[in-house]
Amino acid sequence: MPNNKNVKTVMDKDGIERCLTRIAYEILEKNKGMENLVLVGIRTGGVYLAQRLQKKMSDIECSKIPLGILDITLYRDDISASNKKPRLGETKINFSLDDKIVILVDDVLFTGRTIRAAMDALIDFGRPQMIQLAVLIDRGHRELPIRADFVGKNLPSSLWEAVRVDLVEKNGVDEVVIEEET
């Protein structure tokens, strides 16, 4: 008998856009503008959100902020636990991270392990002055002492629920849903 899933939409397209606009302003406010800032999106959802933040911040400041793409596959701490061959994505950081304030962008912050892997990967590209974390959703359940500097929405969830961020660039629709096994 197949598992049924109870799916609940918790954020629509307008909600996502409002959150990203607020995050863009918060980043600029905290860092007093874009000087010395770079954006790095974690593949895949974080990349699309970083691209949207880049546009919003560039429109606000009338200047373009550098954007990088980070694949963390080989930095994951669970890679050896899987029998599957990892699928590597492209990392594309065409600028120096040395002495920069890196705004690391991801879609969902959960245990913190993805962010730890991303920070390890970033250090291989240089020595940032600081790393700040921007996430669309913080769902709690941290296993590592990691917190986001900029959060679109805190979304308390249970461990048996899945939080899914669908973005038009990948899934054709902008929404955040919670899926619960029933």
N, C-alpha and C. Protein backbone atom coordinates (compact mmCIF):
# COMPACT_ATOMS: atom_id res chain seq x y z
N MET A 1 0.84 -1.19 0.00
CA MET A 1 0.00 0.00 0.00
C MET A 1 0.88 1.25 0.00
N PRO A 2 0.73 2.14 -0.96
CA PRO A 2 1.58 3.33 -1.03
C PRO A 2 1.30 4.30 0.11
N ASN A 3 2.34 5.06 0.47
CA ASN A 3 2.18 6.10 1.49
C ASN A 3 1.43 7.29 0.91
N ASN A 4 0.50 7.81 1.67
CA ASN A 4 -0.18 9.04 1.28
C ASN A 4 0.50 10.20 1.97
N LYS A 5 0.54 11.33 1.31
CA LYS A 5 1.16 12.51 1.89
C LYS A 5 0.11 13.60 2.03
N ASN A 6 0.11 14.22 3.18
CA ASN A 6 -0.73 15.38 3.43
C ASN A 6 0.14 16.60 3.13
N VAL A 7 -0.24 17.40 2.14
CA VAL A 7 0.56 18.54 1.69
C VAL A 7 -0.17 19.83 2.04
N LYS A 8 0.55 20.75 2.70
CA LYS A 8 -0.03 22.03 3.08
C LYS A 8 0.88 23.16 2.59
N THR A 9 0.33 24.08 1.81
CA THR A 9 1.09 25.23 1.35
C THR A 9 1.18 26.25 2.48
N VAL A 10 2.43 26.65 2.81
CA VAL A 10 2.63 27.60 3.91
C VAL A 10 3.14 28.96 3.41
N MET A 11 3.55 29.02 2.15
CA MET A 11 3.98 30.31 1.58
C MET A 11 3.77 30.25 0.06
N ASP A 12 3.19 31.32 -0.47
CA ASP A 12 2.96 31.40 -1.90
C ASP A 12 4.00 32.31 -2.55
N LYS A 13 3.83 32.55 -3.83
CA LYS A 13 4.76 33.38 -4.60
C LYS A 13 4.94 34.76 -3.97
N ASP A 14 3.84 35.42 -3.62
CA ASP A 14 3.93 36.76 -3.03
C ASP A 14 4.66 36.72 -1.70
N GLY A 15 4.40 35.70 -0.90
CA GLY A 15 5.09 35.56 0.38
C GLY A 15 6.58 35.39 0.22
N ILE A 16 6.98 34.59 -0.75
CA ILE A 16 8.41 34.38 -1.04
C ILE A 16 9.05 35.69 -1.46
N GLU A 17 8.39 36.42 -2.35
CA GLU A 17 8.94 37.69 -2.82
C GLU A 17 9.08 38.72 -1.70
N ARG A 18 8.06 38.79 -0.83
CA ARG A 18 8.14 39.71 0.32
C ARG A 18 9.31 39.34 1.23
N CYS A 19 9.47 38.06 1.49
CA CYS A 19 10.59 37.61 2.34
C CYS A 19 11.93 37.97 1.72
N LEU A 20 12.08 37.74 0.43
CA LEU A 20 13.36 38.04 -0.24
C LEU A 20 13.63 39.54 -0.27
N THR A 21 12.59 40.33 -0.46
CA THR A 21 12.77 41.79 -0.44
C THR A 21 13.24 42.23 0.94
N ARG A 22 12.60 41.71 1.99
CA ARG A 22 13.00 42.06 3.35
C ARG A 22 14.43 41.61 3.64
N ILE A 23 14.78 40.39 3.23
CA ILE A 23 16.14 39.89 3.44
C ILE A 23 17.15 40.79 2.73
N ALA A 24 16.85 41.19 1.50
CA ALA A 24 17.77 42.06 0.74
C ALA A 24 18.02 43.35 1.51
N TYR A 25 16.96 43.98 2.01
CA TYR A 25 17.12 45.22 2.78
C TYR A 25 17.88 44.96 4.09
N GLU A 26 17.60 43.85 4.75
CA GLU A 26 18.29 43.53 6.00
C GLU A 26 19.79 43.33 5.78
N ILE A 27 20.15 42.65 4.69
CA ILE A 27 21.57 42.45 4.38
C ILE A 27 22.25 43.79 4.15
N LEU A 28 21.62 44.65 3.36
CA LEU A 28 22.20 45.96 3.08
C LEU A 28 22.30 46.82 4.34
N GLU A 29 21.28 46.75 5.18
CA GLU A 29 21.28 47.52 6.42
C GLU A 29 22.40 47.05 7.35
N LYS A 30 22.48 45.75 7.55
CA LYS A 30 23.48 45.20 8.48
C LYS A 30 24.90 45.50 8.02
N ASN A 31 25.12 45.48 6.70
CA ASN A 31 26.46 45.64 6.15
C ASN A 31 26.73 47.04 5.61
N LYS A 32 25.81 47.96 5.85
CA LYS A 32 25.94 49.36 5.43
C LYS A 32 26.23 49.47 3.94
N GLY A 33 25.42 48.76 3.15
CA GLY A 33 25.58 48.79 1.70
C GLY A 33 26.19 47.51 1.17
N MET A 34 26.65 47.56 -0.08
CA MET A 34 27.16 46.36 -0.75
C MET A 34 28.67 46.29 -0.82
N GLU A 35 29.35 47.31 -0.35
CA GLU A 35 30.81 47.29 -0.44
C GLU A 35 31.36 46.07 0.28
N ASN A 36 32.20 45.33 -0.42
CA ASN A 36 32.88 44.16 0.13
C ASN A 36 31.98 42.93 0.26
N LEU A 37 30.73 43.00 -0.23
CA LEU A 37 29.81 41.86 -0.15
C LEU A 37 29.87 41.01 -1.41
N VAL A 38 29.69 39.70 -1.23
CA VAL A 38 29.48 38.77 -2.33
C VAL A 38 28.38 37.81 -1.91
N LEU A 39 27.64 37.33 -2.87
CA LEU A 39 26.60 36.32 -2.63
C LEU A 39 27.09 34.98 -3.15
N VAL A 40 26.84 33.91 -2.38
CA VAL A 40 27.15 32.56 -2.84
C VAL A 40 25.95 31.69 -2.53
N GLY A 41 25.34 31.14 -3.59
CA GLY A 41 24.18 30.27 -3.44
C GLY A 41 24.59 28.82 -3.40
N ILE A 42 23.99 28.07 -2.46
CA ILE A 42 24.25 26.64 -2.36
C ILE A 42 23.35 25.93 -3.36
N ARG A 43 23.95 25.12 -4.19
CA ARG A 43 23.24 24.38 -5.22
C ARG A 43 22.19 23.48 -4.59
N THR A 44 20.95 23.43 -5.02
CA THR A 44 20.38 24.12 -6.15
C THR A 44 19.45 25.26 -5.72
N GLY A 45 18.62 25.02 -4.73
CA GLY A 45 17.64 26.04 -4.34
C GLY A 45 18.27 27.33 -3.91
N GLY A 46 19.40 27.26 -3.23
CA GLY A 46 20.08 28.47 -2.78
C GLY A 46 20.59 29.32 -3.92
N VAL A 47 20.90 28.69 -5.04
CA VAL A 47 21.39 29.44 -6.21
C VAL A 47 20.28 30.34 -6.76
N TYR A 48 19.08 29.78 -6.90
CA TYR A 48 17.97 30.57 -7.44
C TYR A 48 17.61 31.73 -6.50
N LEU A 49 17.64 31.45 -5.20
CA LEU A 49 17.35 32.52 -4.24
C LEU A 49 18.45 33.57 -4.25
N ALA A 50 19.70 33.15 -4.37
CA ALA A 50 20.81 34.11 -4.44
C ALA A 50 20.70 34.98 -5.69
N GLN A 51 20.28 34.40 -6.81
CA GLN A 51 20.09 35.18 -8.03
C GLN A 51 19.00 36.24 -7.83
N ARG A 52 17.92 35.87 -7.16
CA ARG A 52 16.85 36.83 -6.91
C ARG A 52 17.32 37.92 -5.95
N LEU A 53 18.07 37.52 -4.91
CA LEU A 53 18.61 38.53 -3.99
C LEU A 53 19.59 39.46 -4.70
N GLN A 54 20.40 38.92 -5.59
CA GLN A 54 21.34 39.74 -6.35
C GLN A 54 20.59 40.82 -7.12
N LYS A 55 19.50 40.44 -7.78
CA LYS A 55 18.73 41.42 -8.55
C LYS A 55 18.11 42.47 -7.63
N LYS A 56 17.51 42.04 -6.53
CA LYS A 56 16.88 42.98 -5.61
C LYS A 56 17.91 43.95 -5.02
N MET A 57 19.04 43.42 -4.57
CA MET A 57 20.06 44.27 -3.96
C MET A 57 20.68 45.21 -4.99
N SER A 58 20.90 44.71 -6.19
CA SER A 58 21.47 45.54 -7.25
C SER A 58 20.51 46.66 -7.65
N ASP A 59 19.21 46.35 -7.68
CA ASP A 59 18.22 47.39 -7.98
C ASP A 59 18.18 48.45 -6.89
N ILE A 60 18.29 48.04 -5.63
CA ILE A 60 18.25 48.97 -4.51
C ILE A 60 19.47 49.88 -4.52
N GLU A 61 20.65 49.30 -4.73
CA GLU A 61 21.91 50.03 -4.62
C GLU A 61 22.44 50.55 -5.95
N CYS A 62 21.78 50.22 -7.07
CA CYS A 62 22.22 50.63 -8.41
C CYS A 62 23.66 50.19 -8.68
N SER A 63 23.98 49.01 -8.24
CA SER A 63 25.31 48.42 -8.44
C SER A 63 25.15 46.91 -8.37
N LYS A 64 25.99 46.18 -9.10
CA LYS A 64 25.83 44.73 -9.14
C LYS A 64 26.75 44.05 -8.14
N ILE A 65 26.17 43.14 -7.36
CA ILE A 65 26.92 42.37 -6.37
C ILE A 65 27.38 41.06 -7.01
N PRO A 66 28.64 40.65 -6.80
CA PRO A 66 29.11 39.38 -7.37
C PRO A 66 28.32 38.19 -6.82
N LEU A 67 28.11 37.20 -7.68
CA LEU A 67 27.33 36.02 -7.32
C LEU A 67 28.11 34.76 -7.69
N GLY A 68 28.21 33.86 -6.73
CA GLY A 68 28.86 32.58 -6.96
C GLY A 68 27.90 31.43 -6.71
N ILE A 69 28.27 30.26 -7.24
CA ILE A 69 27.48 29.04 -7.09
C ILE A 69 28.38 28.00 -6.42
N LEU A 70 27.85 27.35 -5.39
CA LEU A 70 28.64 26.40 -4.61
C LEU A 70 27.96 25.04 -4.58
N ASP A 71 28.70 24.00 -5.00
CA ASP A 71 28.23 22.63 -4.87
C ASP A 71 28.98 22.01 -3.68
N ILE A 72 28.25 21.46 -2.74
CA ILE A 72 28.86 20.96 -1.50
C ILE A 72 28.91 19.44 -1.44
N THR A 73 28.60 18.77 -2.54
CA THR A 73 28.47 17.31 -2.54
C THR A 73 29.65 16.61 -1.87
N LEU A 74 30.87 16.96 -2.25
CA LEU A 74 32.05 16.27 -1.73
C LEU A 74 32.41 16.68 -0.30
N TYR A 75 31.73 17.67 0.23
CA TYR A 75 32.00 18.14 1.60
C TYR A 75 30.99 17.60 2.60
N ARG A 76 29.99 16.87 2.13
CA ARG A 76 28.95 16.35 3.02
C ARG A 76 29.53 15.28 3.94
N ASP A 77 29.05 15.23 5.18
CA ASP A 77 29.55 14.23 6.11
C ASP A 77 28.81 12.90 6.00
N ASP A 78 27.80 12.83 5.14
CA ASP A 78 27.07 11.58 4.96
C ASP A 78 27.35 10.91 3.62
N ILE A 79 28.36 11.39 2.91
CA ILE A 79 28.63 10.87 1.57
C ILE A 79 29.09 9.42 1.61
N SER A 80 29.84 9.04 2.64
CA SER A 80 30.31 7.66 2.71
C SER A 80 29.23 6.71 3.22
N ALA A 81 28.17 7.23 3.79
CA ALA A 81 27.10 6.39 4.32
C ALA A 81 26.14 5.91 3.23
N SER A 82 26.25 6.49 2.05
CA SER A 82 25.34 6.15 0.96
C SER A 82 26.04 5.24 -0.03
N ASN A 83 25.30 4.29 -0.56
CA ASN A 83 25.83 3.40 -1.60
C ASN A 83 25.72 4.03 -2.98
N LYS A 84 24.99 5.14 -3.06
CA LYS A 84 24.80 5.82 -4.34
C LYS A 84 26.03 6.63 -4.70
N LYS A 85 26.33 6.69 -5.98
CA LYS A 85 27.42 7.54 -6.46
C LYS A 85 26.92 8.98 -6.42
N PRO A 86 27.68 9.88 -5.76
CA PRO A 86 27.21 11.27 -5.66
C PRO A 86 27.17 11.95 -7.03
N ARG A 87 26.14 12.79 -7.23
CA ARG A 87 26.03 13.59 -8.45
C ARG A 87 26.63 14.96 -8.17
N LEU A 88 27.70 15.25 -8.85
CA LEU A 88 28.39 16.52 -8.65
C LEU A 88 27.78 17.60 -9.53
N GLY A 89 27.62 18.78 -8.95
CA GLY A 89 27.17 19.95 -9.69
C GLY A 89 28.35 20.90 -9.84
N GLU A 90 28.14 21.92 -10.61
CA GLU A 90 29.21 22.89 -10.86
C GLU A 90 29.33 23.89 -9.72
N THR A 91 30.57 24.13 -9.32
CA THR A 91 30.87 25.25 -8.44
C THR A 91 31.46 26.33 -9.32
N LYS A 92 30.95 27.54 -9.16
CA LYS A 92 31.40 28.64 -10.01
C LYS A 92 31.56 29.89 -9.14
N ILE A 93 32.78 30.12 -8.71
CA ILE A 93 33.10 31.32 -7.93
C ILE A 93 34.25 32.00 -8.66
N ASN A 94 33.92 33.00 -9.47
CA ASN A 94 34.91 33.66 -10.34
C ASN A 94 35.45 34.95 -9.75
N PHE A 95 35.55 35.00 -8.43
CA PHE A 95 36.06 36.18 -7.75
C PHE A 95 36.72 35.71 -6.46
N SER A 96 37.54 36.56 -5.92
CA SER A 96 38.23 36.22 -4.67
C SER A 96 37.27 36.35 -3.48
N LEU A 97 37.38 35.43 -2.56
CA LEU A 97 36.63 35.51 -1.32
C LEU A 97 37.46 36.15 -0.20
N ASP A 98 38.75 36.35 -0.46
CA ASP A 98 39.64 36.90 0.56
C ASP A 98 39.14 38.26 1.03
N ASP A 99 38.98 38.38 2.35
CA ASP A 99 38.57 39.62 3.01
C ASP A 99 37.19 40.12 2.58
N LYS A 100 36.38 39.26 2.00
CA LYS A 100 35.02 39.63 1.61
C LYS A 100 34.03 39.19 2.69
N ILE A 101 32.89 39.83 2.71
CA ILE A 101 31.77 39.38 3.52
C ILE A 101 30.92 38.52 2.59
N VAL A 102 30.90 37.22 2.86
CA VAL A 102 30.18 36.27 2.02
C VAL A 102 28.78 36.07 2.60
N ILE A 103 27.79 36.32 1.79
CA ILE A 103 26.41 36.02 2.16
C ILE A 103 26.10 34.67 1.54
N LEU A 104 26.08 33.64 2.36
CA LEU A 104 25.79 32.28 1.93
C LEU A 104 24.27 32.12 1.91
N VAL A 105 23.72 31.62 0.80
CA VAL A 105 22.27 31.57 0.63
C VAL A 105 21.81 30.13 0.41
N ASP A 106 20.78 29.74 1.17
CA ASP A 106 20.17 28.42 0.98
C ASP A 106 18.66 28.55 1.15
N ASP A 107 17.94 27.51 0.71
CA ASP A 107 16.49 27.57 0.80
C ASP A 107 15.97 27.18 2.18
N VAL A 108 16.44 26.06 2.75
CA VAL A 108 15.94 25.59 4.04
C VAL A 108 17.10 25.30 4.97
N LEU A 109 17.03 25.83 6.18
CA LEU A 109 17.99 25.50 7.23
C LEU A 109 17.32 24.49 8.15
N PHE A 110 17.97 23.32 8.29
CA PHE A 110 17.39 22.24 9.07
C PHE A 110 18.40 21.83 10.15
N THR A 111 19.18 20.80 9.91
CA THR A 111 20.12 20.31 10.93
C THR A 111 21.37 21.18 11.05
N GLY A 112 21.71 21.89 9.99
CA GLY A 112 22.92 22.70 9.96
C GLY A 112 24.07 22.01 9.24
N ARG A 113 23.91 20.75 8.89
CA ARG A 113 25.01 20.00 8.26
C ARG A 113 25.35 20.51 6.86
N THR A 114 24.35 20.91 6.11
CA THR A 114 24.61 21.47 4.77
C THR A 114 25.42 22.76 4.90
N ILE A 115 25.09 23.59 5.86
CA ILE A 115 25.79 24.86 6.03
C ILE A 115 27.23 24.62 6.48
N ARG A 116 27.42 23.65 7.38
CA ARG A 116 28.78 23.31 7.80
C ARG A 116 29.61 22.87 6.60
N ALA A 117 29.03 22.03 5.76
CA ALA A 117 29.73 21.58 4.55
C ALA A 117 30.03 22.76 3.63
N ALA A 118 29.09 23.68 3.50
CA ALA A 118 29.28 24.85 2.65
C ALA A 118 30.41 25.74 3.18
N MET A 119 30.47 25.92 4.49
CA MET A 119 31.55 26.74 5.06
C MET A 119 32.90 26.08 4.82
N ASP A 120 32.97 24.75 4.96
CA ASP A 120 34.22 24.04 4.65
C ASP A 120 34.63 24.27 3.20
N ALA A 121 33.66 24.18 2.29
CA ALA A 121 33.94 24.38 0.87
C ALA A 121 34.40 25.80 0.59
N LEU A 122 33.74 26.79 1.20
CA LEU A 122 34.11 28.19 0.98
C LEU A 122 35.56 28.46 1.38
N ILE A 123 36.00 27.88 2.47
CA ILE A 123 37.35 28.12 2.97
C ILE A 123 38.39 27.62 1.96
N ASP A 124 38.03 26.62 1.16
CA ASP A 124 38.94 26.16 0.11
C ASP A 124 39.11 27.18 -1.00
N PHE A 125 38.23 28.18 -1.06
CA PHE A 125 38.31 29.22 -2.09
C PHE A 125 38.95 30.51 -1.59
N GLY A 126 39.25 30.58 -0.32
CA GLY A 126 39.86 31.80 0.21
C GLY A 126 39.51 31.98 1.67
N ARG A 127 39.90 33.13 2.19
CA ARG A 127 39.66 33.43 3.60
C ARG A 127 38.75 34.66 3.70
N PRO A 128 37.44 34.40 3.79
CA PRO A 128 36.51 35.53 3.90
C PRO A 128 36.71 36.28 5.22
N GLN A 129 36.39 37.55 5.20
CA GLN A 129 36.39 38.35 6.43
C GLN A 129 35.29 37.82 7.35
N MET A 130 34.15 37.43 6.75
CA MET A 130 33.00 36.98 7.52
C MET A 130 32.08 36.19 6.59
N ILE A 131 31.37 35.23 7.17
CA ILE A 131 30.33 34.51 6.44
C ILE A 131 29.03 34.76 7.17
N GLN A 132 28.03 35.24 6.43
CA GLN A 132 26.69 35.44 6.97
C GLN A 132 25.75 34.50 6.21
N LEU A 133 24.73 34.03 6.89
CA LEU A 133 23.82 33.05 6.30
C LEU A 133 22.44 33.65 6.10
N ALA A 134 21.92 33.51 4.88
CA ALA A 134 20.56 33.93 4.55
C ALA A 134 19.79 32.69 4.07
N VAL A 135 18.64 32.44 4.70
CA VAL A 135 17.80 31.30 4.32
C VAL A 135 16.36 31.76 4.17
N LEU A 136 15.65 31.12 3.26
CA LEU A 136 14.23 31.44 3.11
C LEU A 136 13.44 30.85 4.28
N ILE A 137 13.75 29.59 4.66
CA ILE A 137 13.02 28.90 5.71
C ILE A 137 13.99 28.36 6.76
N ASP A 138 13.68 28.63 8.02
CA ASP A 138 14.41 27.99 9.14
C ASP A 138 13.39 27.09 9.83
N ARG A 139 13.61 25.78 9.72
CA ARG A 139 12.63 24.84 10.28
C ARG A 139 13.05 24.25 11.61
N GLY A 140 14.19 24.67 12.16
CA GLY A 140 14.60 24.18 13.46
C GLY A 140 15.28 22.82 13.38
N HIS A 141 15.38 22.14 14.50
CA HIS A 141 15.97 20.80 14.62
C HIS A 141 17.47 20.78 14.36
N ARG A 142 18.18 21.77 14.84
CA ARG A 142 19.61 21.86 14.61
C ARG A 142 20.37 20.73 15.28
N GLU A 143 21.35 20.19 14.58
CA GLU A 143 22.29 19.21 15.13
C GLU A 143 23.66 19.83 15.35
N LEU A 144 23.87 20.99 14.77
CA LEU A 144 25.13 21.71 14.91
C LEU A 144 24.81 23.15 15.34
N PRO A 145 25.76 23.80 16.01
CA PRO A 145 25.49 25.17 16.49
C PRO A 145 25.60 26.20 15.38
N ILE A 146 24.61 26.18 14.50
CA ILE A 146 24.58 27.08 13.34
C ILE A 146 23.25 27.80 13.35
N ARG A 147 23.29 29.12 13.08
CA ARG A 147 22.06 29.90 12.99
C ARG A 147 22.15 30.83 11.80
N ALA A 148 21.01 31.20 11.28
CA ALA A 148 20.98 32.11 10.14
C ALA A 148 20.98 33.56 10.62
N ASP A 149 21.66 34.41 9.87
CA ASP A 149 21.66 35.84 10.13
C ASP A 149 20.41 36.50 9.56
N PHE A 150 19.90 35.94 8.46
CA PHE A 150 18.74 36.50 7.77
C PHE A 150 17.78 35.35 7.46
N VAL A 151 16.55 35.46 7.94
CA VAL A 151 15.56 34.38 7.78
C VAL A 151 14.29 34.95 7.18
N GLY A 152 13.81 34.30 6.13
CA GLY A 152 12.54 34.70 5.54
C GLY A 152 11.38 34.33 6.44
N LYS A 153 11.36 33.08 6.91
CA LYS A 153 10.27 32.61 7.76
C LYS A 153 10.77 31.49 8.66
N ASN A 154 10.48 31.60 9.95
CA ASN A 154 10.70 30.50 10.87
C ASN A 154 9.48 29.60 10.77
N LEU A 155 9.73 28.33 10.51
CA LEU A 155 8.64 27.39 10.26
C LEU A 155 8.85 26.15 11.13
N PRO A 156 8.39 26.21 12.37
CA PRO A 156 8.54 25.03 13.23
C PRO A 156 7.88 23.83 12.57
N SER A 157 8.56 22.70 12.59
CA SER A 157 8.05 21.49 11.95
C SER A 157 8.47 20.29 12.76
N SER A 158 7.81 19.18 12.52
CA SER A 158 8.18 17.95 13.20
C SER A 158 9.19 17.20 12.33
N LEU A 159 9.87 16.25 12.93
CA LEU A 159 10.88 15.50 12.19
C LEU A 159 10.27 14.61 11.11
N TRP A 160 8.99 14.25 11.24
CA TRP A 160 8.38 13.40 10.23
C TRP A 160 7.73 14.21 9.11
N GLU A 161 7.90 15.50 9.15
CA GLU A 161 7.43 16.34 8.06
C GLU A 161 8.60 16.73 7.17
N ALA A 162 8.31 16.94 5.91
CA ALA A 162 9.31 17.45 4.97
C ALA A 162 8.90 18.85 4.55
N VAL A 163 9.84 19.77 4.55
CA VAL A 163 9.59 21.13 4.07
C VAL A 163 10.20 21.22 2.68
N ARG A 164 9.39 21.59 1.71
CA ARG A 164 9.84 21.66 0.32
C ARG A 164 9.65 23.08 -0.20
N VAL A 165 10.72 23.64 -0.75
CA VAL A 165 10.66 24.95 -1.40
C VAL A 165 10.66 24.70 -2.90
N ASP A 166 9.56 25.01 -3.53
CA ASP A 166 9.46 24.93 -4.99
C ASP A 166 9.69 26.32 -5.55
N LEU A 167 10.57 26.41 -6.54
CA LEU A 167 10.85 27.69 -7.18
C LEU A 167 10.58 27.57 -8.67
N VAL A 168 10.09 28.64 -9.24
CA VAL A 168 9.69 28.64 -10.65
C VAL A 168 10.86 28.22 -11.55
N GLU A 169 12.08 28.56 -11.18
CA GLU A 169 13.24 28.22 -12.00
C GLU A 169 13.46 26.71 -12.11
N LYS A 170 13.00 25.97 -11.12
CA LYS A 170 13.21 24.52 -11.11
C LYS A 170 11.92 23.73 -11.26
N ASN A 171 10.86 24.14 -10.55
CA ASN A 171 9.62 23.37 -10.51
C ASN A 171 8.44 24.05 -11.20
N GLY A 172 8.64 25.26 -11.71
CA GLY A 172 7.58 25.96 -12.42
C GLY A 172 6.60 26.71 -11.55
N VAL A 173 6.79 26.69 -10.23
CA VAL A 173 5.89 27.38 -9.31
C VAL A 173 6.70 27.85 -8.10
N ASP A 174 6.29 28.97 -7.53
CA ASP A 174 6.89 29.48 -6.30
C ASP A 174 5.98 29.16 -5.13
N GLU A 175 6.43 28.28 -4.23
CA GLU A 175 5.66 27.98 -3.03
C GLU A 175 6.54 27.21 -2.05
N VAL A 176 6.14 27.28 -0.80
CA VAL A 176 6.76 26.46 0.24
C VAL A 176 5.65 25.58 0.80
N VAL A 177 5.93 24.28 0.85
CA VAL A 177 4.93 23.34 1.34
C VAL A 177 5.52 22.46 2.44
N ILE A 178 4.64 21.99 3.31
CA ILE A 178 5.00 20.98 4.30
C ILE A 178 4.28 19.70 3.89
N GLU A 179 5.05 18.61 3.78
CA GLU A 179 4.50 17.31 3.45
C GLU A 179 4.59 16.43 4.69
N GLU A 180 3.48 15.83 5.06
CA GLU A 180 3.47 14.94 6.22
C GLU A 180 3.02 13.56 5.76
N GLU A 181 3.81 12.56 6.12
CA GLU A 181 3.43 11.17 5.81
C GLU A 181 2.19 10.81 6.63
N THR A 182 1.22 10.18 5.98
CA THR A 182 0.02 9.74 6.70
C THR A 182 -0.15 8.26 6.61
